[in-house]
Amino acid sequence: MKKFLLVAVGVAALAGSACSKAPECTAEMATKKAQDMTTALQEAITKDPSKAADLTAKVQAVTTKYQGATTLDEACKAYDELTATIKG
């Protein structure tokens, strides 16, 4: 569980470092998406702890993909993809 939260915190850093002059995704939207992703992750782990390792690998793969995100739009895409992966 701690590992999942660390990954979620790492992804949350995407929104903190992302900036753009006219983003389609606002900081508030990115924050909401981060919260939704974290909630989905916690629910998935609680529902089926045996999937923890698989989810960790998937979340890390998406996190790595968006690690260099520099805009809020990219951060929002990362959150959307993570949430879909977790719920998938």
Protein backbone atom coordinates (compact mmCIF):
# COMPACT_ATOMS: atom_id res chain seq x y z
CA MET A 1 0.00 0.00 0.00
CA LYS A 2 2.82 2.41 0.84
CA LYS A 3 4.40 1.72 -2.54
CA PHE A 4 1.15 2.68 -4.29
CA LEU A 5 0.92 5.90 -2.34
CA LEU A 6 4.52 6.75 -3.19
CA VAL A 7 3.73 6.22 -6.87
CA ALA A 8 0.63 8.39 -6.52
CA VAL A 9 2.69 11.11 -4.87
CA GLY A 10 5.21 10.89 -7.71
CA VAL A 11 2.45 11.35 -10.23
CA ALA A 12 1.04 14.23 -8.21
CA ALA A 13 4.39 15.93 -8.72
CA LEU A 14 3.56 16.04 -12.43
CA ALA A 15 0.80 18.55 -11.77
CA GLY A 16 2.98 20.58 -9.48
CA SER A 17 5.70 20.94 -12.05
CA ALA A 18 3.43 21.36 -15.05
CA CYS A 19 2.77 24.83 -16.39
CA SER A 20 1.29 26.38 -19.49
CA LYS A 21 0.08 29.81 -20.56
CA ALA A 22 -3.36 28.66 -21.73
CA PRO A 23 -3.93 25.12 -20.56
CA GLU A 24 -7.08 23.18 -21.35
CA CYS A 25 -6.45 21.46 -18.05
CA THR A 26 -6.33 23.82 -15.09
CA ALA A 27 -4.44 23.27 -11.84
CA GLU A 28 -7.79 22.62 -10.14
CA MET A 29 -8.67 19.97 -12.74
CA ALA A 30 -5.28 18.30 -12.32
CA THR A 31 -5.71 18.28 -8.54
CA LYS A 32 -9.18 16.70 -8.87
CA LYS A 33 -7.84 14.10 -11.30
CA ALA A 34 -5.02 13.30 -8.86
CA GLN A 35 -7.53 12.82 -6.05
CA ASP A 36 -9.74 10.62 -8.24
CA MET A 37 -6.74 8.52 -9.28
CA THR A 38 -5.61 8.10 -5.67
CA THR A 39 -9.12 7.10 -4.60
CA ALA A 40 -9.37 4.57 -7.43
CA LEU A 41 -5.99 3.14 -6.47
CA GLN A 42 -6.94 2.79 -2.81
CA GLU A 43 -10.27 1.16 -3.71
CA ALA A 44 -8.59 -1.29 -6.09
CA ILE A 45 -6.05 -2.33 -3.46
CA THR A 46 -8.71 -2.68 -0.79
CA LYS A 47 -10.98 -4.69 -3.07
CA ASP A 48 -8.30 -7.11 -4.27
CA PRO A 49 -4.92 -6.94 -2.50
CA SER A 50 -3.60 -9.71 -4.74
CA LYS A 51 -3.55 -7.26 -7.66
CA ALA A 52 -1.22 -4.87 -5.84
CA ALA A 53 1.96 -5.95 -7.62
CA ASP A 54 0.32 -5.87 -11.05
CA LEU A 55 -1.18 -2.44 -10.42
CA THR A 56 2.15 -1.14 -9.15
CA ALA A 57 3.86 -2.20 -12.38
CA LYS A 58 1.15 -0.61 -14.53
CA VAL A 59 1.11 2.63 -12.54
CA GLN A 60 4.91 2.87 -12.69
CA ALA A 61 4.86 2.34 -16.45
CA VAL A 62 2.40 5.19 -16.97
CA THR A 63 4.26 7.38 -14.47
CA THR A 64 7.51 6.81 -16.37
CA LYS A 65 5.79 7.63 -19.66
CA TYR A 66 4.72 11.04 -18.35
CA GLN A 67 7.72 11.73 -16.14
CA GLY A 68 8.89 14.59 -18.35
CA ALA A 69 5.46 16.24 -18.51
CA THR A 70 5.79 20.00 -18.61
CA THR A 71 2.19 21.11 -19.12
CA LEU A 72 -1.00 20.68 -17.18
CA ASP A 73 -2.53 19.08 -20.27
CA GLU A 74 0.11 16.34 -20.11
CA ALA A 75 -0.44 15.95 -16.38
CA CYS A 76 -4.19 15.57 -16.91
CA LYS A 77 -3.59 12.97 -19.62
CA ALA A 78 -1.33 11.08 -17.22
CA TYR A 79 -3.97 11.12 -14.48
CA ASP A 80 -6.66 9.99 -16.92
CA GLU A 81 -4.48 7.15 -18.19
CA LEU A 82 -3.54 6.10 -14.66
CA THR A 83 -7.14 6.09 -13.50
CA ALA A 84 -8.18 4.03 -16.53
CA THR A 85 -5.33 1.60 -15.91
CA ILE A 86 -6.28 1.19 -12.27
CA LYS A 87 -9.97 0.71 -13.00
CA GLY A 88 -9.27 -1.36 -16.12
